[in-house]
């Protein structure tokens, strides 16, 4: 499969993808939910379903 050319858009605003921390103020309940999901929940059954390498085609 050949690579796909992506045009350079000079009017794009973001140099890097934004982070949720940049948009959600400290102390907001969204941070509690994020921490619970990433640190407390056992996601091994869900993550185990993703075994192959995925992403943008080369």
Protein backbone atom coordinates (compact mmCIF):
# COMPACT_ATOMS: atom_id res chain seq x y z
CA UNK A 1 0.00 0.00 0.00
CA UNK A 2 1.40 3.40 -0.92
CA UNK A 3 1.64 6.29 1.47
CA UNK A 4 -1.00 8.99 1.35
CA UNK A 5 0.14 12.58 0.86
CA UNK A 6 -1.18 14.95 3.47
CA UNK A 7 -1.11 18.61 2.44
CA UNK A 8 0.56 21.15 4.72
CA UNK A 9 -2.08 23.49 6.08
CA UNK A 10 -0.36 26.74 7.02
CA UNK A 11 -3.43 28.09 8.81
CA UNK A 12 -3.61 25.24 11.37
CA UNK A 13 -3.73 26.51 14.93
CA UNK A 14 -2.24 23.58 16.88
CA UNK A 15 1.42 22.61 16.66
CA UNK A 16 0.82 19.68 19.03
CA UNK A 17 -2.44 17.97 20.04
CA UNK A 18 -4.06 19.69 23.01
CA UNK A 19 -4.21 18.02 26.40
CA UNK A 20 -7.30 17.82 28.61
CA UNK A 21 -5.25 19.56 31.30
CA UNK A 22 -5.06 22.64 29.06
CA UNK A 23 -8.85 22.96 28.88
CA UNK A 24 -10.19 21.63 32.19
CA UNK A 25 -9.46 23.71 35.30
CA UNK A 26 -7.80 22.15 38.35
CA UNK A 27 -10.29 20.64 40.78
CA UNK A 28 -12.88 19.86 38.11
CA UNK A 29 -14.68 16.48 38.53
CA UNK A 30 -13.45 15.41 35.07
CA UNK A 31 -9.99 14.91 36.57
CA UNK A 32 -11.43 12.53 39.19
CA UNK A 33 -13.10 10.46 36.46
CA UNK A 34 -9.88 10.40 34.41
CA UNK A 35 -7.85 9.26 37.42
CA UNK A 36 -10.37 6.58 38.39
CA UNK A 37 -10.42 5.11 34.90
CA UNK A 38 -6.65 5.17 34.43
CA UNK A 39 -5.58 4.10 37.94
CA UNK A 40 -8.38 2.17 39.65
CA UNK A 41 -10.35 0.23 37.03
CA UNK A 42 -9.16 -3.14 35.75
CA UNK A 43 -9.18 -2.61 31.99
CA UNK A 44 -7.27 -5.79 31.12
CA UNK A 45 -10.30 -7.46 29.48
CA UNK A 46 -10.82 -4.45 27.21
CA UNK A 47 -7.14 -3.87 26.46
CA UNK A 48 -6.66 -7.59 25.73
CA UNK A 49 -9.02 -7.29 22.78
CA UNK A 50 -6.55 -4.96 21.05
CA UNK A 51 -3.71 -7.29 20.12
CA UNK A 52 -2.74 -6.16 16.62
CA UNK A 53 -0.82 -3.08 15.60
CA UNK A 54 -3.18 -0.40 14.37
CA UNK A 55 -2.78 3.12 13.14
CA UNK A 56 -2.42 5.18 10.03
CA UNK A 57 -1.43 3.05 7.00
CA UNK A 58 2.14 3.45 5.76
